[in-house]
Protein backbone atom coordinates (compact mmCIF):
# COMPACT_ATOMS: atom_id res chain seq x y z
CA MET A 1 15.44 -12.57 14.29
CA SER A 2 15.13 -16.18 12.18
CA HIS A 3 13.35 -16.15 8.77
CA PRO A 4 13.44 -18.38 6.03
CA GLU A 5 15.84 -17.23 3.13
CA ASN A 6 13.34 -18.29 0.58
CA PRO A 7 9.29 -18.76 2.01
CA GLY A 8 7.51 -20.76 0.39
CA THR A 9 3.14 -19.56 0.45
CA ALA A 10 2.64 -21.04 3.54
CA GLU A 11 5.34 -19.40 5.72
CA ILE A 12 4.53 -15.86 3.83
CA ALA A 13 0.84 -16.46 4.64
CA ALA A 14 1.69 -17.31 8.36
CA SER A 15 4.01 -14.51 8.71
CA ALA A 16 1.78 -11.74 7.27
CA GLY A 17 -1.15 -13.54 9.71
CA ARG A 18 0.64 -13.03 12.81
CA ILE A 19 2.02 -9.19 11.25
CA ALA A 20 -1.77 -8.71 10.79
CA ARG A 21 -2.41 -9.86 14.39
CA ALA A 22 0.51 -7.48 15.72
CA VAL A 23 -1.09 -4.55 13.99
CA GLU A 24 -4.62 -5.79 15.23
CA GLY A 25 -3.62 -5.88 19.13
CA ALA A 26 -2.61 -1.96 18.33
CA MET A 27 -5.98 -0.74 16.33
CA VAL A 28 -9.55 -2.00 16.10
CA GLY A 29 -11.42 -2.32 12.99
CA ASN A 30 -10.32 -1.40 9.59
CA THR A 31 -9.59 -5.06 8.98
CA PRO A 32 -10.05 -4.30 4.87
CA ALA A 33 -7.88 -1.40 4.68
CA LEU A 34 -5.17 -2.95 7.03
CA ARG A 35 -5.17 -6.30 4.70
CA MET A 36 -4.68 -3.80 1.50
CA SER A 37 -1.76 -1.85 3.26
CA LEU A 38 -0.38 -5.43 3.80
CA ALA A 39 -0.40 -6.53 0.56
CA ALA A 40 0.95 -3.49 -0.92
CA ILE A 41 3.79 -3.69 1.14
CA LEU A 42 4.33 -7.41 0.67
CA ALA A 43 4.22 -6.21 -3.59
CA GLY A 44 6.96 -3.99 -2.83
CA GLY A 45 4.47 -0.76 -3.05
CA HIS A 46 3.53 2.34 -1.11
CA VAL A 47 0.20 3.42 0.54
CA LEU A 48 -2.01 6.52 -0.05
CA VAL A 49 -4.62 6.75 2.69
CA GLU A 50 -7.38 9.30 1.87
CA ASP A 51 -9.99 9.78 4.69
CA ASN A 52 -11.23 12.50 7.05
CA PRO A 53 -8.78 13.09 10.15
CA GLY A 54 -9.02 11.11 13.44
CA LEU A 55 -9.35 8.04 11.51
CA GLY A 56 -6.41 6.18 12.68
CA LYS A 57 -3.83 6.41 9.67
CA THR A 58 -0.89 7.55 11.59
CA LEU A 59 -1.91 4.62 13.87
CA MET A 60 -2.05 2.27 11.48
CA ALA A 61 1.56 3.36 9.48
CA ARG A 62 3.79 3.19 13.08
CA SER A 63 1.93 -0.02 13.82
CA LEU A 64 3.32 -1.76 10.85
CA ALA A 65 6.07 -0.19 11.04
CA GLY A 66 6.54 -1.82 14.25
CA ALA A 67 5.39 -5.16 13.10
CA LEU A 68 7.47 -4.78 9.98
CA GLY A 69 10.59 -3.80 12.32
CA LEU A 70 11.34 -0.79 9.85
CA GLU A 71 12.43 2.64 11.43
CA PHE A 72 9.63 4.54 11.27
CA ARG A 73 9.75 8.38 10.21
CA ARG A 74 7.00 10.76 10.66
CA LEU A 75 7.29 13.85 8.20
CA GLN A 76 4.40 16.36 8.43
CA PHE A 77 3.96 18.20 4.80
CA THR A 78 3.25 22.06 5.43
CA PRO A 79 3.24 24.84 2.69
CA ASP A 80 6.90 26.04 3.55
CA LEU A 81 8.49 22.40 3.52
CA LEU A 82 10.99 22.50 0.92
CA PRO A 83 12.30 19.54 -0.66
CA ALA A 84 15.45 19.20 0.87
CA ASP A 85 13.63 18.72 4.08
CA ILE A 86 12.94 15.72 2.79
CA THR A 87 16.03 14.64 1.09
CA GLY A 88 18.74 16.04 2.84
CA SER A 89 21.48 18.32 2.19
CA TYR A 90 24.70 19.27 2.46
CA LEU A 91 25.84 21.54 5.27
CA TYR A 92 29.22 22.97 6.00
CA ASN A 93 31.49 21.59 8.31
CA PRO A 94 34.05 23.99 10.23
CA GLY A 95 35.94 21.46 11.86
CA THR A 96 36.89 19.80 8.58
CA ALA A 97 36.44 22.75 6.12
CA GLU A 98 34.01 20.32 4.08
CA PHE A 99 30.42 19.42 3.24
CA THR A 100 28.94 16.74 4.37
CA PHE A 101 25.69 15.47 3.46
CA GLN A 102 22.96 15.05 6.28
CA PRO A 103 20.44 12.84 5.56
CA GLY A 104 16.15 14.02 5.52
CA PRO A 105 13.48 11.88 7.28
CA VAL A 106 13.07 10.06 3.51
CA PHE A 107 15.94 7.32 4.98
CA ALA A 108 13.65 4.97 6.89
CA GLY A 109 12.15 2.35 6.51
CA LEU A 110 8.62 3.44 6.41
CA LEU A 111 8.16 7.06 6.45
CA LEU A 112 4.46 8.85 7.75
CA ALA A 113 3.81 11.33 4.84
CA ASP A 114 1.65 12.97 7.10
CA GLU A 115 -1.34 15.52 4.59
CA LEU A 116 1.22 15.27 1.75
CA ASN A 117 -1.40 17.12 -0.24
CA ARG A 118 -0.41 20.23 1.99
CA THR A 119 2.50 20.63 0.48
CA PRO A 120 3.03 22.64 -2.71
CA PRO A 121 3.92 20.05 -6.05
CA LYS A 122 7.25 21.31 -6.14
CA THR A 123 8.17 19.62 -2.51
CA GLN A 124 5.76 16.39 -3.21
CA SER A 125 7.78 15.75 -6.53
CA ALA A 126 10.68 15.10 -3.97
CA LEU A 127 9.28 11.74 -3.18
CA LEU A 128 9.23 10.92 -6.83
CA GLU A 129 12.59 9.48 -7.17
CA ALA A 130 12.55 7.96 -3.89
CA MET A 131 9.45 6.43 -4.27
CA GLN A 132 10.11 4.78 -8.00
CA GLU A 133 13.84 3.96 -7.38
CA GLY A 134 14.61 3.86 -3.79
CA GLN A 135 17.24 6.70 -4.11
CA VAL A 136 17.18 10.15 -4.15
CA SER A 137 19.67 12.45 -5.84
CA VAL A 138 21.20 16.04 -4.22
CA GLU A 139 23.38 17.84 -5.84
CA GLY A 140 24.34 15.60 -8.30
CA THR A 141 25.03 13.00 -6.51
CA THR A 142 22.76 9.49 -5.60
CA HIS A 143 22.13 8.03 -2.31
CA PRO A 144 20.49 4.97 -2.19
CA LEU A 145 17.53 4.14 0.41
CA PRO A 146 17.59 1.44 2.81
CA ARG A 147 16.08 -1.47 1.80
CA PRO A 148 12.85 -2.28 2.44
CA PHE A 149 11.57 1.20 1.80
CA HIS A 150 7.93 2.33 2.09
CA VAL A 151 5.53 5.87 1.66
CA ILE A 152 2.59 5.66 3.69
CA ALA A 153 0.94 9.35 2.61
CA THR A 154 -2.36 10.50 3.79
CA ALA A 155 -3.96 13.15 3.03
CA ASN A 156 -7.40 14.46 4.72
CA GLN A 157 -10.84 14.86 2.31
CA ILE A 158 -12.61 17.21 4.09
CA GLU A 159 -9.85 19.79 4.29
CA TYR A 160 -9.27 21.93 0.88
CA GLU A 161 -8.07 24.87 2.32
CA GLY A 162 -4.32 25.86 1.50
CA THR A 163 -4.02 22.18 0.10
CA TYR A 164 -2.78 21.27 -3.25
CA ALA A 165 -4.19 18.52 -5.36
CA LEU A 166 -1.71 15.49 -5.82
CA PRO A 167 -0.28 15.69 -9.56
CA GLU A 168 -0.62 12.25 -10.97
CA ALA A 169 2.63 11.48 -11.58
CA GLN A 170 2.81 11.18 -7.47
CA LEU A 171 -0.43 8.94 -7.82
CA ASP A 172 0.63 6.71 -10.40
CA ARG A 173 3.85 6.00 -7.60
CA PHE A 174 1.12 4.76 -4.97
CA ALA A 175 0.40 1.10 -5.31
CA VAL A 176 -2.34 1.38 -3.53
CA ARG A 177 -5.66 4.13 -2.46
CA ILE A 178 -7.59 3.54 0.65
CA ARG A 179 -9.93 4.95 3.15
CA LEU A 180 -10.47 4.02 6.66
CA GLY A 181 -14.18 4.21 7.20
CA TYR A 182 -15.64 4.77 10.80
CA PRO A 183 -15.87 2.15 12.68
CA THR A 184 -18.50 -0.06 13.63
CA ALA A 185 -20.12 0.69 17.25
CA ASP A 186 -18.96 -2.83 18.50
CA SER A 187 -15.73 -1.79 17.12
CA GLU A 188 -15.13 1.53 18.62
CA MET A 189 -16.40 0.21 22.01
CA GLU A 190 -13.88 -2.10 21.76
CA MET A 191 -11.27 0.87 21.21
CA LEU A 192 -12.70 2.68 24.40
CA ARG A 193 -12.48 -0.57 26.16
CA ARG A 194 -8.68 -0.83 25.21
CA ARG A 195 -7.61 2.61 26.22
CA VAL A 196 -9.29 2.69 29.98
CA ALA A 197 -6.94 -0.75 30.73
CA ARG A 198 -4.28 0.39 28.91
CA ALA A 199 -4.09 3.80 30.73
CA SER A 200 -1.48 5.40 28.56
CA GLY A 201 -1.08 6.68 25.26
CA ASP A 202 -0.86 4.59 21.88
CA PRO A 203 0.34 1.28 21.98
CA VAL A 204 3.84 -0.28 21.02
CA VAL A 205 3.77 -3.44 18.80
CA GLN A 206 7.08 -5.20 18.65
CA PRO A 207 8.50 -6.61 16.05
CA VAL A 208 7.11 -9.86 14.21
CA ILE A 209 10.04 -9.79 11.25
CA ASP A 210 12.59 -7.66 10.18
CA PRO A 211 13.89 -6.00 7.39
CA ALA A 212 15.51 -9.03 5.40
CA GLY A 213 12.42 -10.61 6.69
CA LEU A 214 10.42 -8.68 4.79
CA LEU A 215 12.19 -8.89 1.96
CA ALA A 216 12.92 -11.94 1.78
CA LEU A 217 8.53 -12.04 2.02
CA GLN A 218 8.60 -9.64 -0.97
CA GLN A 219 11.03 -12.05 -3.40
CA GLY A 220 8.10 -14.96 -2.55
CA VAL A 221 5.78 -12.58 -3.74
CA GLU A 222 7.84 -12.27 -7.22
CA ARG A 223 7.35 -16.48 -7.53
CA VAL A 224 3.68 -16.53 -7.10
CA ASP A 225 2.15 -18.02 -10.37
CA VAL A 226 0.16 -15.80 -12.50
CA ASP A 227 -1.51 -17.50 -15.58
CA ALA A 228 -1.79 -16.09 -18.80
CA ASP A 229 -5.46 -15.65 -18.74
CA VAL A 230 -5.44 -13.84 -15.55
CA LEU A 231 -2.77 -11.30 -17.31
CA GLY A 232 -4.68 -11.07 -19.90
CA TYR A 233 -7.55 -9.78 -17.67
CA CYS A 234 -5.66 -7.03 -15.80
CA VAL A 235 -4.61 -6.02 -19.30
CA ASP A 236 -8.53 -5.87 -20.53
CA LEU A 237 -9.14 -3.92 -17.85
CA ALA A 238 -6.24 -1.39 -18.34
CA ARG A 239 -7.57 -1.07 -21.81
CA ALA A 240 -11.15 -0.84 -21.46
CA SER A 241 -10.81 2.27 -18.55
CA ARG A 242 -8.39 3.98 -22.05
CA ARG A 243 -11.94 3.90 -23.79
CA HIS A 244 -14.23 4.31 -21.18
CA ASP A 245 -16.52 7.38 -21.87
CA SER A 246 -15.88 9.33 -18.56
CA VAL A 247 -12.01 8.89 -18.92
CA GLU A 248 -9.86 11.29 -20.29
CA ALA A 249 -6.49 9.48 -19.42
CA GLY A 250 -6.86 5.50 -18.50
CA VAL A 251 -4.63 3.29 -16.66
CA SER A 252 -1.05 3.75 -17.20
CA PRO A 253 1.06 0.46 -17.89
CA ARG A 254 2.17 0.92 -14.67
CA GLY A 255 -0.67 0.96 -12.99
CA THR A 256 -1.09 -2.33 -15.07
CA GLN A 257 2.03 -4.39 -13.58
CA ALA A 258 1.05 -2.71 -9.97
CA LEU A 259 -1.97 -4.77 -10.56
CA VAL A 260 -0.85 -8.12 -11.15
CA LEU A 261 1.76 -7.13 -8.00
CA LEU A 262 -0.87 -6.61 -5.65
CA ALA A 263 -2.84 -9.66 -7.33
CA ARG A 264 0.11 -12.01 -6.37
CA ALA A 265 -0.02 -10.62 -2.54
CA TRP A 266 -3.46 -11.21 -2.25
CA ALA A 267 -3.22 -14.80 -3.60
CA VAL A 268 -0.38 -15.34 -0.85
CA LEU A 269 -2.44 -13.85 1.94
CA ASP A 270 -5.37 -16.57 1.08
CA GLY A 271 -2.33 -19.40 1.35
CA ARG A 272 -2.15 -19.60 -2.61
CA SER A 273 0.92 -19.89 -5.06
CA TYR A 274 -0.97 -18.81 -7.87
CA VAL A 275 -3.27 -16.08 -8.95
CA LEU A 276 -7.07 -15.98 -9.36
CA PRO A 277 -9.20 -13.94 -11.36
CA GLU A 278 -11.54 -13.34 -8.02
CA ASP A 279 -7.41 -12.08 -6.40
CA VAL A 280 -8.05 -9.50 -9.23
CA LYS A 281 -11.06 -7.93 -8.41
CA SER A 282 -10.27 -7.97 -4.54
CA VAL A 283 -7.37 -5.19 -5.48
CA ALA A 284 -8.57 -3.50 -8.60
CA VAL A 285 -10.31 -0.78 -7.29
CA ALA A 286 -7.60 0.19 -4.76
CA ALA A 287 -4.53 -0.14 -7.29
CA LEU A 288 -6.35 1.51 -10.25
CA GLY A 289 -9.05 4.30 -8.76
CA HIS A 290 -6.50 6.58 -8.15
CA ARG A 291 -4.80 6.58 -11.55
CA MET A 292 -7.27 7.57 -14.13
CA VAL A 293 -8.25 11.44 -14.85
CA LEU A 294 -11.87 11.75 -15.89
CA LYS A 295 -13.41 14.27 -17.76
CA LEU A 296 -15.03 17.54 -16.56
CA GLN A 297 -18.65 15.92 -16.84
CA ALA A 298 -18.18 13.06 -14.75
CA TYR A 299 -16.83 15.42 -11.50
CA ALA A 300 -19.50 17.36 -12.10
CA ASP A 301 -21.80 13.94 -11.67
CA SER A 302 -19.70 12.75 -8.36
CA LEU A 303 -18.57 10.10 -10.08
CA THR A 304 -14.91 8.46 -9.10
CA GLY A 305 -12.19 6.37 -10.22
CA GLU A 306 -13.59 3.95 -7.71
CA ASP A 307 -16.66 4.14 -9.29
CA VAL A 308 -15.34 3.75 -13.08
CA VAL A 309 -13.39 0.63 -11.88
CA ALA A 310 -16.26 -0.97 -9.99
CA SER A 311 -18.27 -0.89 -13.71
CA LEU A 312 -15.27 -2.31 -15.66
CA LEU A 313 -15.43 -5.13 -13.04
CA SER A 314 -19.08 -6.00 -13.99
CA THR A 315 -18.49 -5.60 -17.80
CA VAL A 316 -15.08 -6.94 -18.81
CA PRO A 317 -15.30 -10.50 -18.94
CA THR A 318 -13.61 -12.54 -16.64
CA PRO A 319 -11.28 -15.39 -17.50
CA ALA A 320 -11.92 -18.77 -16.29
CA SER A 321 -8.75 -19.87 -14.77
CA ARG A 322 -6.62 -22.74 -16.02
CA ARG A 323 -6.22 -24.68 -12.53
CA GLY A 324 -7.57 -27.56 -12.43
CA ALA A 325 -10.74 -27.52 -9.55
CA MET A 326 -9.42 -30.43 -7.71
CA VAL A 327 -6.47 -28.23 -7.08
CA GLU A 328 -6.68 -27.68 -3.27
CA MET A 329 -5.62 -24.15 -1.57
CA VAL A 330 -3.55 -24.08 1.42
CA ASP A 331 -4.65 -22.45 4.27
CA PRO A 332 -1.94 -21.70 7.02
CA TYR A 333 -4.20 -21.50 10.13
CA GLY A 334 -5.63 -25.09 9.67
CA ALA A 335 -7.99 -27.14 7.76
CA PRO A 336 -7.67 -26.72 3.47
CA THR A 337 -10.03 -23.99 1.98
CA ALA A 338 -11.87 -24.25 -1.29
CA PRO A 339 -10.95 -26.02 -4.09
CA ALA A 340 -9.32 -23.55 -7.28
CA GLY A 341 -12.23 -22.01 -8.77
CA HIS A 342 -13.82 -21.36 -5.43
CA PRO A 343 -11.78 -19.09 -3.58
CA GLY A 344 -14.21 -19.14 -0.49
CA PRO A 345 -13.80 -16.24 1.98
CA ALA A 346 -11.28 -13.59 1.24
CA GLY A 347 -10.99 -12.36 4.49
CA PRO A 348 -8.00 -11.05 6.26
CA PRO A 349 -5.33 -13.41 8.26
CA ARG A 350 -6.55 -14.33 11.20
């Protein structure tokens, strides 16, 4: 599978568009969630999906893995799951009279951690090193994971019995927390039409790129330019979260870095090689909402981290980008878009 070694903005956006179209061929609606998940993966991050059962969380993860050419594994998290069930363990081989390492399901390109909040924190923590360092340590030996490696974790919102709250350290490793929501009537009707016409189970998404191609796209995102004023805007949002009346512990520096990386990926999806403050605004709720510890009164008032981020976006001053208003944005799918400072539609790749 061919791919440019050092793709530019147009190449990355075009590839992202093909990936999105391939996934949209398998799942209907949920385009904003798909775009945010794709941005998180292009930024090298992991995705937490919190929503009700039956809304397509597993289908989205499986379809993304297929389009990205990643080996997909699904692990059902249960109360009796042990850390070794995730990372793997050493087993005795009678033939060689030695202990050999048997890799666990975490050794995949994309791991679906299904119902992550159903397993105790000790087992949840087995994913921490994998998500942050791309490796696991078993009995004092470090084993590198495949590259790229991504986790899409799910948690059902309406089932609390037999579940465990995700530790703050675990939440901070997720680039974004998203919700799919119920489809529109038209989307649900189209989903039924496709299912009847297909006369089979979930569709299979063919690879659009391979793992090496995804790594090249991620390196391309790292080359997206970010002006000092946009960086300052990200810092201002994080610092404001730490002073908010409803927040016990605000956004960590890791969260600020994730915000910048996601804004870069979002800019690329819009066909730009530089970040605007509007890109930061587009990803801020998904990137920061799960990274704050709220005060007890805030929970009593049914306030969420997403609500706090929304209030920050309305109160923290937005800088004017230093990009000239006459710089033309690149549209990898056709005609030029609006000039810099006027980002135009922020919809998904078509």
